[in-house]
Amino acid sequence: MKLRENAVYAMVVPTSMGVRLTPVNSQPVYTSENFMMHVTSAETNVASISSFLGLRVKVLTTFVKDSPIARLIKDNLAGRHMEYEGKEVPQGGPWGYRHQINIADAGSGVRGPRVFNDRAGEVGRTLNVKDFDLEKLFVKDGVQILHLSGLIAALSPETGTFCLELARAAKKHGTRIAFDLNYRATFWKDREKELRDIFTEIASVTDILLGNEEDFQLSLGIEGPEAGGKDIGSKIDSFKGMIGRVKAAFPNASVFATTLREVISTNSHWWGAILHEGDNWHIAQPREIPILDRIGGGDGFVGGVLYSILRGWEPEKWVQFGWATGAMATTFLTDYVQPLDEDQVWSVWKGNARVQR
């Protein structure tokens, strides 16, 4: 895939930042008094792989003015080697704006994870294209990949328009667009036609289209295999069929990818992936992986694929590196993987967990 040359930014991600609260020691939320808190967003989860491995990344977001949580978020992004730009929105009193709170029971053993989103008054719902200089971003500076997420496209009518305008500007100025569908039923309730139109337009100009079987079916109306179930490896042909139908519906895209996940228990999954580029299939056959915390595994896969494309590697390596960064993400307590270097990721792909001294 040919990327824009001499661009300042390898990747730009629009996002709504927040914090995640997780009980310690893998306990349920309702029995816990002690929680870990860390900064999170699906889109920066994706971008972290590129930023930790030395590529220049920029985050487009909004902040609550003078908020200590906003300060925490800014310091966290800087610590992840990410640049950020965002309007400072006044809180407007105790019942005004704030950053989202994600309350997550990571589960353990036979008890599955449960995630509770507390997004009332979320400042990220105000994201507006007027708050950013798109001419400077896409023309003067230049961007190789704009990564869009269905979570942001569906967050509010304003953010849907924001993502559409970003996609149109990126397409006009030669930036490649990656779109991770990230369907959430609670976001789509009573907004099906509005969001289907938005998602369809973004997908029609997208170069790299990503999602799981539910995402393609529920966001774009593409027939696919039943979600979940046993023996995920036996469903590879049905996943290929789904991707073939997506490709026919959205011919502008040249790369399609989906993860394969079979849940044995909270702490053990079979993990695989399929990637289609041009006329070629690249498959990471499902393998069993241990899980510390599954949240962020899919984002890790997407981030690894995009990093591989940015590095200009052969397509066969895209799915391998993405499989490995996705698997790595499930070994971190943060939602995002923090790779030390490429060799660490390739050791995961090769199944080499031996100590290195």
Protein backbone atom coordinates (compact mmCIF):
# COMPACT_ATOMS: atom_id res chain seq x y z
CA MET A 1 0.00 0.00 0.00
CA LYS A 2 1.47 3.34 -1.07
CA LEU A 3 1.45 5.96 1.68
CA ARG A 4 1.97 9.70 1.45
CA GLU A 5 5.65 10.62 1.48
CA ASN A 6 7.18 13.37 3.62
CA ALA A 7 4.20 13.47 5.97
CA VAL A 8 4.77 14.87 9.46
CA TYR A 9 2.43 12.35 11.10
CA ALA A 10 2.39 8.60 10.60
CA MET A 11 -1.04 8.38 12.23
CA VAL A 12 -3.76 10.71 13.46
CA VAL A 13 -6.63 9.49 15.68
CA PRO A 14 -9.74 11.40 16.76
CA THR A 15 -10.95 10.20 20.14
CA SER A 16 -12.81 10.88 23.37
CA MET A 17 -10.50 10.29 26.31
CA GLY A 18 -11.52 8.99 29.70
CA VAL A 19 -10.46 6.82 32.60
CA ARG A 20 -11.05 3.19 33.41
CA LEU A 21 -11.70 1.89 36.93
CA THR A 22 -10.91 -1.80 37.50
CA PRO A 23 -11.14 -3.71 40.80
CA VAL A 24 -7.84 -5.09 42.05
CA ASN A 25 -7.17 -8.83 42.19
CA SER A 26 -9.71 -9.61 39.42
CA GLN A 27 -12.66 -9.09 41.75
CA PRO A 28 -16.20 -8.05 40.70
CA VAL A 29 -17.11 -4.36 40.83
CA TYR A 30 -19.92 -4.84 43.33
CA THR A 31 -17.71 -6.54 45.94
CA SER A 32 -14.72 -4.21 45.65
CA GLU A 33 -13.47 -1.22 47.62
CA ASN A 34 -10.10 -0.84 45.90
CA PHE A 35 -9.78 0.06 42.23
CA MET A 36 -6.99 0.81 39.75
CA MET A 37 -7.51 3.85 37.52
CA HIS A 38 -5.84 4.42 34.20
CA VAL A 39 -6.37 6.52 31.08
CA THR A 40 -8.16 4.89 28.18
CA SER A 41 -9.74 5.18 24.75
CA ALA A 42 -10.01 2.56 22.02
CA GLU A 43 -8.42 4.83 19.43
CA THR A 44 -5.32 5.66 21.46
CA ASN A 45 -5.08 1.95 22.31
CA VAL A 46 -4.60 1.40 18.57
CA ALA A 47 -2.14 4.26 18.12
CA SER A 48 0.03 3.28 21.11
CA ILE A 49 1.85 0.58 19.19
CA SER A 50 3.07 3.06 16.60
CA SER A 51 3.93 5.71 19.20
CA PHE A 52 5.84 3.32 21.49
CA LEU A 53 7.77 1.99 18.49
CA GLY A 54 8.91 5.43 17.40
CA LEU A 55 6.39 6.72 14.85
CA ARG A 56 4.87 10.18 15.16
CA VAL A 57 1.24 10.10 16.29
CA LYS A 58 -1.25 12.89 16.92
CA VAL A 59 -4.49 12.69 18.94
CA LEU A 60 -7.46 14.95 18.17
CA THR A 61 -9.74 15.26 21.20
CA THR A 62 -11.39 17.62 23.70
CA PHE A 63 -10.58 18.37 27.32
CA VAL A 64 -12.49 19.69 30.31
CA LYS A 65 -10.81 22.98 31.19
CA ASP A 66 -8.87 22.96 34.50
CA SER A 67 -9.87 19.36 35.23
CA PRO A 68 -7.35 17.19 37.12
CA ILE A 69 -8.54 14.24 35.03
CA ALA A 70 -7.73 16.21 31.88
CA ARG A 71 -4.24 16.80 33.31
CA LEU A 72 -3.88 13.08 34.00
CA ILE A 73 -4.90 12.33 30.40
CA LYS A 74 -2.47 14.86 28.92
CA ASP A 75 0.42 13.51 30.99
CA ASN A 76 -0.48 9.96 30.02
CA LEU A 77 -0.55 10.79 26.30
CA ALA A 78 2.81 12.55 26.60
CA GLY A 79 4.16 9.48 28.38
CA ARG A 80 3.01 7.40 25.42
CA HIS A 81 4.98 9.72 23.10
CA MET A 82 1.79 11.11 21.54
CA GLU A 83 1.12 14.67 20.52
CA TYR A 84 -2.37 15.96 21.20
CA GLU A 85 -4.62 18.82 20.21
CA GLY A 86 -8.01 19.62 21.68
CA LYS A 87 -10.35 22.41 22.67
CA GLU A 88 -10.56 23.25 26.38
CA VAL A 89 -14.27 23.16 27.26
CA PRO A 90 -15.41 24.82 30.53
CA GLN A 91 -16.96 22.30 32.90
CA GLY A 92 -20.05 24.42 33.44
CA GLY A 93 -20.61 23.49 37.05
CA PRO A 94 -21.14 20.19 38.87
CA TRP A 95 -23.68 18.96 36.29
CA GLY A 96 -21.64 20.01 33.26
CA TYR A 97 -19.00 18.28 31.20
CA ARG A 98 -16.55 15.59 32.27
CA HIS A 99 -14.39 12.85 30.81
CA GLN A 100 -16.01 9.43 30.39
CA ILE A 101 -15.64 6.77 33.08
CA ASN A 102 -15.31 3.13 32.10
CA ILE A 103 -15.96 0.77 35.02
CA ALA A 104 -14.71 -2.70 34.17
CA ASP A 105 -14.88 -6.05 35.90
CA ALA A 106 -12.15 -7.98 34.09
CA GLY A 107 -13.62 -11.31 35.17
CA SER A 108 -11.76 -14.41 36.27
CA GLY A 109 -12.02 -18.09 35.36
CA VAL A 110 -15.67 -19.01 34.75
CA ARG A 111 -16.87 -15.47 35.59
CA GLY A 112 -16.89 -13.41 32.41
CA PRO A 113 -15.93 -9.71 32.18
CA ARG A 114 -18.57 -7.01 32.53
CA VAL A 115 -18.08 -3.43 31.44
CA PHE A 116 -20.22 -0.52 32.63
CA ASN A 117 -19.95 2.73 30.66
CA ASP A 118 -20.69 5.96 32.53
CA ARG A 119 -20.70 8.58 29.76
CA ALA A 120 -23.24 11.20 30.90
CA GLY A 121 -21.91 14.69 30.17
CA GLU A 122 -18.98 13.29 28.19
CA VAL A 123 -16.94 16.17 26.78
CA GLY A 124 -15.87 14.07 23.79
CA ARG A 125 -19.44 14.23 22.45
CA THR A 126 -18.75 17.88 21.55
CA LEU A 127 -15.94 17.10 19.06
CA ASN A 128 -16.35 19.51 16.16
CA VAL A 129 -14.40 19.88 12.94
CA LYS A 130 -14.43 23.68 13.40
CA ASP A 131 -12.06 23.29 16.34
CA PHE A 132 -9.25 21.92 14.15
CA ASP A 133 -7.29 23.29 11.19
CA LEU A 134 -7.74 20.51 8.65
CA GLU A 135 -5.84 22.41 5.96
CA LYS A 136 -2.76 22.52 8.18
CA LEU A 137 -3.19 18.93 9.30
CA PHE A 138 -3.71 17.24 5.95
CA VAL A 139 -1.99 19.65 3.53
CA LYS A 140 0.83 21.50 5.30
CA ASP A 141 1.81 18.79 7.79
CA GLY A 142 0.54 15.67 6.06
CA VAL A 143 -0.80 12.43 7.51
CA GLN A 144 -0.11 8.90 6.31
CA ILE A 145 -3.03 7.13 8.02
CA LEU A 146 -6.16 8.61 9.60
CA HIS A 147 -7.58 6.01 11.97
CA LEU A 148 -11.32 6.32 12.60
CA SER A 149 -13.41 4.29 15.02
CA GLY A 150 -17.12 3.54 15.00
CA LEU A 151 -17.14 4.38 18.71
CA ILE A 152 -16.43 8.02 17.90
CA ALA A 153 -18.60 8.09 14.78
CA ALA A 154 -21.57 6.91 16.86
CA LEU A 155 -20.91 8.88 20.04
CA SER A 156 -23.19 11.80 19.12
CA PRO A 157 -24.62 13.49 16.01
CA GLU A 158 -21.78 16.02 16.32
CA THR A 159 -19.05 13.38 16.39
CA GLY A 160 -20.65 11.56 13.46
CA THR A 161 -20.36 14.74 11.39
CA PHE A 162 -16.83 15.26 12.73
CA CYS A 163 -15.70 11.83 11.51
CA LEU A 164 -17.36 12.33 8.13
CA GLU A 165 -15.58 15.65 7.60
CA LEU A 166 -12.24 14.15 8.63
CA ALA A 167 -12.73 11.25 6.22
CA ARG A 168 -13.63 13.60 3.36
CA ALA A 169 -10.59 15.81 4.00
CA ALA A 170 -8.27 12.83 4.29
CA LYS A 171 -9.57 11.34 1.04
CA LYS A 172 -9.17 14.68 -0.76
CA HIS A 173 -5.54 15.12 0.30
CA GLY A 174 -4.20 11.60 -0.21
CA THR A 175 -4.22 10.31 3.37
CA ARG A 176 -5.07 6.65 3.76
CA ILE A 177 -8.11 5.95 5.95
CA ALA A 178 -8.45 3.06 8.38
CA PHE A 179 -11.92 2.43 9.82
CA ASP A 180 -12.48 0.05 12.74
CA LEU A 181 -16.27 -0.39 12.88
CA ASN A 182 -16.53 -1.01 16.66
CA TYR A 183 -20.31 -1.49 16.77
CA ARG A 184 -21.99 -0.82 20.13
CA ALA A 185 -25.71 -1.56 20.38
CA THR A 186 -26.26 1.03 23.13
CA PHE A 187 -24.87 3.78 20.88
CA TRP A 188 -27.09 2.75 17.96
CA LYS A 189 -30.41 2.55 19.83
CA ASP A 190 -33.05 4.64 18.00
CA ARG A 191 -30.38 5.96 15.60
CA GLU A 192 -30.05 3.03 13.17
CA LYS A 193 -30.72 4.87 9.90
CA GLU A 194 -28.62 7.91 10.84
CA LEU A 195 -25.64 5.81 11.82
CA ARG A 196 -25.95 3.30 8.98
CA ASP A 197 -25.72 6.24 6.54
CA ILE A 198 -22.66 7.67 8.31
CA PHE A 199 -20.87 4.33 8.57
CA THR A 200 -21.63 3.50 4.93
CA GLU A 201 -20.19 6.79 3.67
CA ILE A 202 -17.02 6.44 5.76
CA ALA A 203 -16.59 2.81 4.67
CA SER A 204 -17.01 3.84 1.02
CA VAL A 205 -13.84 6.01 1.16
CA THR A 206 -11.91 3.76 3.53
CA ASP A 207 -8.68 2.02 2.47
CA ILE A 208 -8.35 -0.34 5.45
CA LEU A 209 -11.63 -1.74 6.82
CA LEU A 210 -11.55 -3.63 10.11
CA GLY A 211 -14.02 -5.28 12.46
CA ASN A 212 -15.27 -8.55 13.87
CA GLU A 213 -18.19 -10.58 12.53
CA GLU A 214 -20.76 -8.61 14.53
CA ASP A 215 -19.32 -5.27 13.43
CA PHE A 216 -19.68 -6.01 9.71
CA GLN A 217 -23.18 -7.39 10.09
CA LEU A 218 -24.65 -4.80 12.44
CA SER A 219 -22.83 -1.69 11.18
CA LEU A 220 -22.95 -2.32 7.45
CA GLY A 221 -25.62 -5.00 6.99
CA ILE A 222 -23.19 -7.57 5.56
CA GLU A 223 -24.16 -11.20 6.14
CA GLY A 224 -21.61 -13.10 8.20
CA PRO A 225 -21.07 -16.03 10.57
CA GLU A 226 -22.68 -16.26 13.98
CA ALA A 227 -20.62 -14.52 16.65
CA GLY A 228 -18.75 -16.61 19.21
CA GLY A 229 -19.17 -20.35 19.48
CA LYS A 230 -16.76 -23.25 19.57
CA ASP A 231 -14.04 -24.41 17.18
CA ILE A 232 -13.46 -20.98 15.68
CA GLY A 233 -10.85 -22.37 13.29
CA SER A 234 -13.52 -24.33 11.41
CA LYS A 235 -15.31 -21.07 10.56
CA ILE A 236 -12.48 -19.54 8.55
CA ASP A 237 -14.20 -20.16 5.21
CA SER A 238 -17.35 -18.42 6.45
CA PHE A 239 -15.27 -15.45 7.57
CA LYS A 240 -13.66 -15.34 4.12
CA GLY A 241 -17.11 -15.33 2.57
CA MET A 242 -18.12 -12.39 4.75
CA ILE A 243 -15.01 -10.42 3.79
CA GLY A 244 -15.70 -11.18 0.13
CA ARG A 245 -19.16 -9.64 0.49
CA VAL A 246 -17.71 -6.61 2.28
CA LYS A 247 -15.18 -6.16 -0.53
CA ALA A 248 -17.93 -6.28 -3.16
CA ALA A 249 -19.93 -3.66 -1.28
CA PHE A 250 -16.96 -1.36 -0.56
CA PRO A 251 -14.51 -1.71 -3.46
CA ASN A 252 -12.46 1.38 -2.54
CA ALA A 253 -10.88 -0.54 0.34
CA SER A 254 -7.89 -2.74 -0.46
CA VAL A 255 -7.28 -4.22 3.00
CA PHE A 256 -9.83 -6.05 5.14
CA ALA A 257 -9.16 -7.72 8.46
CA THR A 258 -11.01 -9.46 11.27
CA THR A 259 -10.00 -11.24 14.44
CA LEU A 260 -11.00 -14.78 15.43
CA ARG A 261 -11.70 -15.37 19.09
CA GLU A 262 -13.03 -18.42 20.93
CA VAL A 263 -13.45 -17.98 24.68
CA ILE A 264 -12.53 -21.09 26.68
CA SER A 265 -12.62 -19.21 29.97
CA THR A 266 -11.96 -15.63 31.02
CA ASN A 267 -8.28 -16.45 31.28
CA SER A 268 -7.87 -18.64 28.19
CA HIS A 269 -8.82 -17.83 24.60
CA TRP A 270 -8.13 -19.21 21.15
CA TRP A 271 -6.88 -16.19 19.18
CA GLY A 272 -6.49 -15.87 15.42
CA ALA A 273 -6.94 -13.40 12.56
CA ILE A 274 -7.71 -13.11 8.86
CA LEU A 275 -6.43 -10.38 6.54
CA HIS A 276 -7.25 -9.87 2.88
CA GLU A 277 -5.20 -7.52 0.67
CA GLY A 278 -5.57 -7.30 -3.09
CA ASP A 279 -6.40 -10.87 -4.11
CA ASN A 280 -4.42 -12.48 -1.30
CA TRP A 281 -5.46 -14.08 1.99
CA HIS A 282 -3.21 -14.04 5.05
CA ILE A 283 -4.31 -16.10 8.04
CA ALA A 284 -3.03 -16.40 11.59
CA GLN A 285 -4.48 -19.74 12.64
CA PRO A 286 -6.09 -19.66 16.11
CA ARG A 287 -3.77 -20.51 18.98
CA GLU A 288 -4.50 -20.69 22.68
CA ILE A 289 -3.29 -17.66 24.64
CA PRO A 290 -3.46 -16.92 28.39
CA ILE A 291 -5.46 -13.81 29.31
CA LEU A 292 -4.73 -11.38 32.13
CA ASP A 293 -7.30 -8.81 30.92
CA ARG A 294 -8.96 -9.17 27.51
CA ILE A 295 -9.96 -5.50 27.12
CA GLY A 296 -7.89 -3.93 24.34
CA GLY A 297 -6.93 -7.11 22.50
CA GLY A 298 -8.85 -6.15 19.37
CA ASP A 299 -7.38 -2.65 19.44
CA GLY A 300 -3.94 -4.20 19.81
CA PHE A 301 -4.52 -6.25 16.67
CA VAL A 302 -5.60 -3.20 14.67
CA GLY A 303 -2.65 -1.19 15.94
CA GLY A 304 -0.18 -3.91 14.96
CA VAL A 305 -1.63 -4.18 11.45
CA LEU A 306 -1.47 -0.40 10.94
CA TYR A 307 2.09 -0.21 12.27
CA SER A 308 3.14 -2.95 9.84
CA ILE A 309 1.58 -1.06 6.93
CA LEU A 310 3.29 2.16 8.01
CA ARG A 311 6.61 0.34 8.12
CA GLY A 312 6.12 -0.89 4.55
CA TRP A 313 6.43 -4.60 5.37
CA GLU A 314 5.18 -7.42 3.19
CA PRO A 315 1.43 -8.09 3.76
CA GLU A 316 2.09 -11.55 5.18
CA LYS A 317 3.71 -9.86 8.18
CA TRP A 318 0.77 -7.50 8.78
CA VAL A 319 -1.49 -10.19 10.19
CA GLN A 320 1.35 -11.84 12.11
CA PHE A 321 2.46 -8.66 13.85
CA GLY A 322 -1.17 -7.69 14.52
CA TRP A 323 -1.91 -11.11 16.00
CA ALA A 324 1.10 -10.72 18.30
CA THR A 325 0.34 -7.17 19.47
CA GLY A 326 -3.27 -8.18 20.11
CA ALA A 327 -2.11 -11.15 22.17
CA MET A 328 0.37 -8.93 24.01
CA ALA A 329 -2.35 -6.43 24.91
CA THR A 330 -4.13 -9.09 26.96
CA THR A 331 -1.04 -9.40 29.19
CA PHE A 332 -1.20 -5.73 30.31
CA LEU A 333 -3.39 -4.18 33.00
CA THR A 334 -3.71 -1.10 30.81
CA ASP A 335 -6.06 -1.34 27.81
CA TYR A 336 -3.13 -0.66 25.49
CA VAL A 337 -0.02 -2.67 24.74
CA GLN A 338 3.35 -1.03 25.43
CA PRO A 339 5.88 -2.86 23.25
CA LEU A 340 9.52 -2.38 24.17
CA ASP A 341 10.70 -3.07 20.62
CA GLU A 342 9.77 -5.05 17.51
CA ASP A 343 11.79 -8.07 18.62
CA GLN A 344 9.60 -8.45 21.70
CA VAL A 345 6.50 -8.58 19.48
CA TRP A 346 8.03 -11.09 17.07
CA SER A 347 8.97 -13.31 20.03
CA VAL A 348 5.27 -13.43 20.91
CA TRP A 349 4.40 -14.45 17.34
CA LYS A 350 7.04 -17.20 17.43
CA GLY A 351 5.78 -18.49 20.79
CA ASN A 352 9.10 -17.77 22.45
CA ALA A 353 8.41 -16.84 26.07
CA ARG A 354 11.84 -17.87 27.31
CA VAL A 355 13.73 -15.47 29.54
CA GLN A 356 16.17 -13.12 27.81
CA ARG A 357 19.20 -11.97 29.77
